């Protein structure tokens, strides 16, 4: 499994608009081969302005294919026109261990 995290710094006065942009976006990621899960994480620290956009994929190749796909282009139409007050940084990871809740009988 492969995880990408886009760490997006958002100005406090832009937080609501940033969240709304995600909540109202066109959703195409679920159509991408190898896509597993998407999460938008809101910072809880008083001075923390960094949102995390987390996606999980079956493989790094599935993620790379998404980045170069027409679905990606459709999902990100108009993104270049918005600024939320700070930079973003993409980080990628390979999952090497996970734990699930114990099954209940």
C-alpha atoms as a PDB file:
ATOM      1  CA  UNK A   1       0.000   0.000   0.000  1.00  0.00           C
ATOM      2  CA  UNK A   2       1.066   3.529  -0.750  1.00  0.00           C
ATOM      3  CA  UNK A   3       0.091   6.818   0.928  1.00  0.00           C
ATOM      4  CA  UNK A   4       0.415  10.367  -0.337  1.00  0.00           C
ATOM      5  CA  UNK A   5       0.080  13.343   1.982  1.00  0.00           C
ATOM      6  CA  UNK A   6      -0.234  16.833   0.600  1.00  0.00           C
ATOM      7  CA  UNK A   7       0.562  19.200   3.482  1.00  0.00           C
ATOM      8  CA  UNK A   8      -1.231  22.473   2.696  1.00  0.00           C
ATOM      9  CA  UNK A   9      -0.621  25.620   4.722  1.00  0.00           C
ATOM     10  CA  UNK A  10      -3.831  27.666   4.882  1.00  0.00           C
ATOM     11  CA  UNK A  11      -4.183  31.215   6.170  1.00  0.00           C
ATOM     12  CA  UNK A  12      -6.666  31.307   9.085  1.00  0.00           C
ATOM     13  CA  UNK A  13      -9.021  33.615   7.210  1.00  0.00           C
ATOM     14  CA  UNK A  14      -9.055  31.144   4.286  1.00  0.00           C
ATOM     15  CA  UNK A  15      -9.732  27.965   6.299  1.00  0.00           C
ATOM     16  CA  UNK A  16     -13.487  27.926   5.715  1.00  0.00           C
ATOM     17  CA  UNK A  17     -13.087  28.548   1.963  1.00  0.00           C
ATOM     18  CA  UNK A  18     -10.415  25.847   1.750  1.00  0.00           C
ATOM     19  CA  UNK A  19     -12.640  23.285   3.443  1.00  0.00           C
ATOM     20  CA  UNK A  20     -15.620  24.276   1.310  1.00  0.00           C
ATOM     21  CA  UNK A  21     -13.528  23.904  -1.854  1.00  0.00           C
ATOM     22  CA  UNK A  22     -12.869  20.274  -0.921  1.00  0.00           C
ATOM     23  CA  UNK A  23     -16.388  19.511   0.246  1.00  0.00           C
ATOM     24  CA  UNK A  24     -17.916  20.846  -2.984  1.00  0.00           C
ATOM     25  CA  UNK A  25     -15.278  19.544  -5.417  1.00  0.00           C
ATOM     26  CA  UNK A  26     -15.900  17.269  -8.366  1.00  0.00           C
ATOM     27  CA  UNK A  27     -15.148  13.755  -7.159  1.00  0.00           C
ATOM     28  CA  UNK A  28     -13.204  11.640  -9.623  1.00  0.00           C
ATOM     29  CA  UNK A  29     -10.591   9.925  -7.473  1.00  0.00           C
ATOM     30  CA  UNK A  30     -12.937   7.032  -6.696  1.00  0.00           C
ATOM     31  CA  UNK A  31     -12.934   6.176 -10.410  1.00  0.00           C
ATOM     32  CA  UNK A  32      -9.135   5.808 -10.515  1.00  0.00           C
ATOM     33  CA  UNK A  33      -7.722   2.269 -10.680  1.00  0.00           C
ATOM     34  CA  UNK A  34      -5.909   1.372  -7.461  1.00  0.00           C
ATOM     35  CA  UNK A  35      -7.521   4.120  -5.362  1.00  0.00           C
ATOM     36  CA  UNK A  36      -8.274   3.024  -1.775  1.00  0.00           C
ATOM     37  CA  UNK A  37      -9.192   6.047   0.366  1.00  0.00           C
ATOM     38  CA  UNK A  38      -9.165   9.855   0.649  1.00  0.00           C
ATOM     39  CA  UNK A  39      -9.099  11.915   3.856  1.00  0.00           C
ATOM     40  CA  UNK A  40      -8.952  15.667   4.447  1.00  0.00           C
ATOM     41  CA  UNK A  41      -7.530  16.320   7.922  1.00  0.00           C
ATOM     42  CA  UNK A  42      -8.160  19.626   9.702  1.00  0.00           C
ATOM     43  CA  UNK A  43      -5.484  20.871  12.120  1.00  0.00           C
ATOM     44  CA  UNK A  44      -6.598  21.166  15.733  1.00  0.00           C
ATOM     45  CA  UNK A  45      -3.660  23.078  17.186  1.00  0.00           C
ATOM     46  CA  UNK A  46      -4.377  26.730  17.816  1.00  0.00           C
ATOM     47  CA  UNK A  47      -1.390  27.874  15.737  1.00  0.00           C
ATOM     48  CA  UNK A  48      -1.344  24.961  13.303  1.00  0.00           C
ATOM     49  CA  UNK A  49      -2.368  26.028   9.800  1.00  0.00           C
ATOM     50  CA  UNK A  50      -1.354  22.856   7.959  1.00  0.00           C
ATOM     51  CA  UNK A  51      -4.148  20.699   6.543  1.00  0.00           C
ATOM     52  CA  UNK A  52      -3.325  17.186   5.372  1.00  0.00           C
ATOM     53  CA  UNK A  53      -4.803  15.764   2.196  1.00  0.00           C
ATOM     54  CA  UNK A  54      -4.223  12.025   2.556  1.00  0.00           C
ATOM     55  CA  UNK A  55      -4.801   9.434  -0.141  1.00  0.00           C
ATOM     56  CA  UNK A  56      -4.176   5.688  -0.045  1.00  0.00           C
ATOM     57  CA  UNK A  57      -3.415   3.601  -3.121  1.00  0.00           C
ATOM     58  CA  UNK A  58      -2.819  -0.051  -3.878  1.00  0.00           C
ATOM     59  CA  UNK A  59       0.633   0.869  -5.226  1.00  0.00           C
ATOM     60  CA  UNK A  60       2.898   3.801  -5.971  1.00  0.00           C
ATOM     61  CA  UNK A  61       2.290   3.162  -9.666  1.00  0.00           C
ATOM     62  CA  UNK A  62      -1.477   3.550  -9.177  1.00  0.00           C
ATOM     63  CA  UNK A  63      -0.815   6.944  -7.556  1.00  0.00           C
ATOM     64  CA  UNK A  64       1.560   8.012 -10.361  1.00  0.00           C
ATOM     65  CA  UNK A  65      -0.996   6.910 -12.953  1.00  0.00           C
ATOM     66  CA  UNK A  66      -3.643   9.035 -11.169  1.00  0.00           C
ATOM     67  CA  UNK A  67      -1.380  12.096 -11.317  1.00  0.00           C
ATOM     68  CA  UNK A  68      -1.045  11.804 -15.097  1.00  0.00           C
ATOM     69  CA  UNK A  69      -4.670  10.831 -15.774  1.00  0.00           C
ATOM     70  CA  UNK A  70      -7.522  12.747 -17.351  1.00  0.00           C
ATOM     71  CA  UNK A  71      -9.465  12.072 -14.130  1.00  0.00           C
ATOM     72  CA  UNK A  72      -6.822  14.031 -12.178  1.00  0.00           C
ATOM     73  CA  UNK A  73      -7.091  16.931 -14.633  1.00  0.00           C
ATOM     74  CA  UNK A  74     -10.894  16.928 -14.303  1.00  0.00           C
ATOM     75  CA  UNK A  75     -10.685  16.794 -10.499  1.00  0.00           C
ATOM     76  CA  UNK A  76      -8.274  19.745 -10.361  1.00  0.00           C
ATOM     77  CA  UNK A  77      -9.869  22.078 -12.896  1.00  0.00           C
ATOM     78  CA  UNK A  78      -9.579  25.629 -11.649  1.00  0.00           C
ATOM     79  CA  UNK A  79      -7.228  24.823  -8.737  1.00  0.00           C
ATOM     80  CA  UNK A  80      -4.575  27.185 -10.061  1.00  0.00           C
ATOM     81  CA  UNK A  81      -6.925  30.125  -9.625  1.00  0.00           C
ATOM     82  CA  UNK A  82      -7.136  29.783  -5.829  1.00  0.00           C
ATOM     83  CA  UNK A  83      -4.649  30.706  -3.166  1.00  0.00           C
ATOM     84  CA  UNK A  84      -5.273  29.811   0.448  1.00  0.00           C
ATOM     85  CA  UNK A  85      -2.361  31.710   1.915  1.00  0.00           C
ATOM     86  CA  UNK A  86       0.536  29.295   1.941  1.00  0.00           C
ATOM     87  CA  UNK A  87       2.598  26.615   0.280  1.00  0.00           C
ATOM     88  CA  UNK A  88       1.879  22.931  -0.050  1.00  0.00           C
ATOM     89  CA  UNK A  89       4.290  20.021   0.115  1.00  0.00           C
ATOM     90  CA  UNK A  90       3.678  16.526  -1.208  1.00  0.00           C
ATOM     91  CA  UNK A  91       5.066  13.649   0.864  1.00  0.00           C
ATOM     92  CA  UNK A  92       4.771   9.992  -0.066  1.00  0.00           C
ATOM     93  CA  UNK A  93       5.047   6.823   1.996  1.00  0.00           C
ATOM     94  CA  UNK A  94       4.893   3.066   1.718  1.00  0.00           C
ATOM     95  CA  UNK A  95       2.810   1.379   4.423  1.00  0.00           C
ATOM     96  CA  UNK A  96       4.926  -1.237   6.174  1.00  0.00           C
ATOM     97  CA  UNK A  97       2.670  -2.068   9.139  1.00  0.00           C
ATOM     98  CA  UNK A  98      -0.958  -1.542  10.134  1.00  0.00           C
ATOM     99  CA  UNK A  99      -3.232  -2.633  12.954  1.00  0.00           C
ATOM    100  CA  UNK A 100      -6.986  -3.107  12.923  1.00  0.00           C
ATOM    101  CA  UNK A 101      -9.401  -3.403  15.848  1.00  0.00           C
ATOM    102  CA  UNK A 102      -9.815  -6.920  17.196  1.00  0.00           C
ATOM    103  CA  UNK A 103     -12.827  -8.698  15.730  1.00  0.00           C
ATOM    104  CA  UNK A 104     -15.767  -8.988  18.098  1.00  0.00           C
ATOM    105  CA  UNK A 105     -17.827 -12.168  18.261  1.00  0.00           C
END
